[in-house]
Amino acid sequence: MGRCQRESSFDTYLQNRLPKVAALSDAEIDTSESPILDDAFFVPATARMPSLPLAEVTLHIDPLLLRWFRNQSAQYERLINAALRIYVEAHASYEPSGKGT
């Protein structure tokens, strides 16, 4: 089975499964293997703001997301950049070029 067929099959699975999962109440969701994330869990967390120069782009973004980031800080554009960087770094295929592109 090729990659496109697997992705298509997985997409179909998600389209069928997600509405069922979304319909579950909190009580129906098994969280027995999930750790409790209390305040102590977040103590070592630090804000990671990028220090590289940023490229100027035009970006179409969900207005609710933009409002949320603007409400967090006057430097909301850097927060958006930091959130995107954290997302990218969390994925195994990330390979920084070091060229700022």
Foldseek 3Di string as FASTA:
>chain_A
DDPVVVVVVVVVVCVVCVVVVVPDDPVRDDCVVPDDCDPVNCVPDDQDFDPDDADDDDDDDDPVVVVVLVVVDVVSVRVVVSVVVVVLVVDPVDDDPPPND
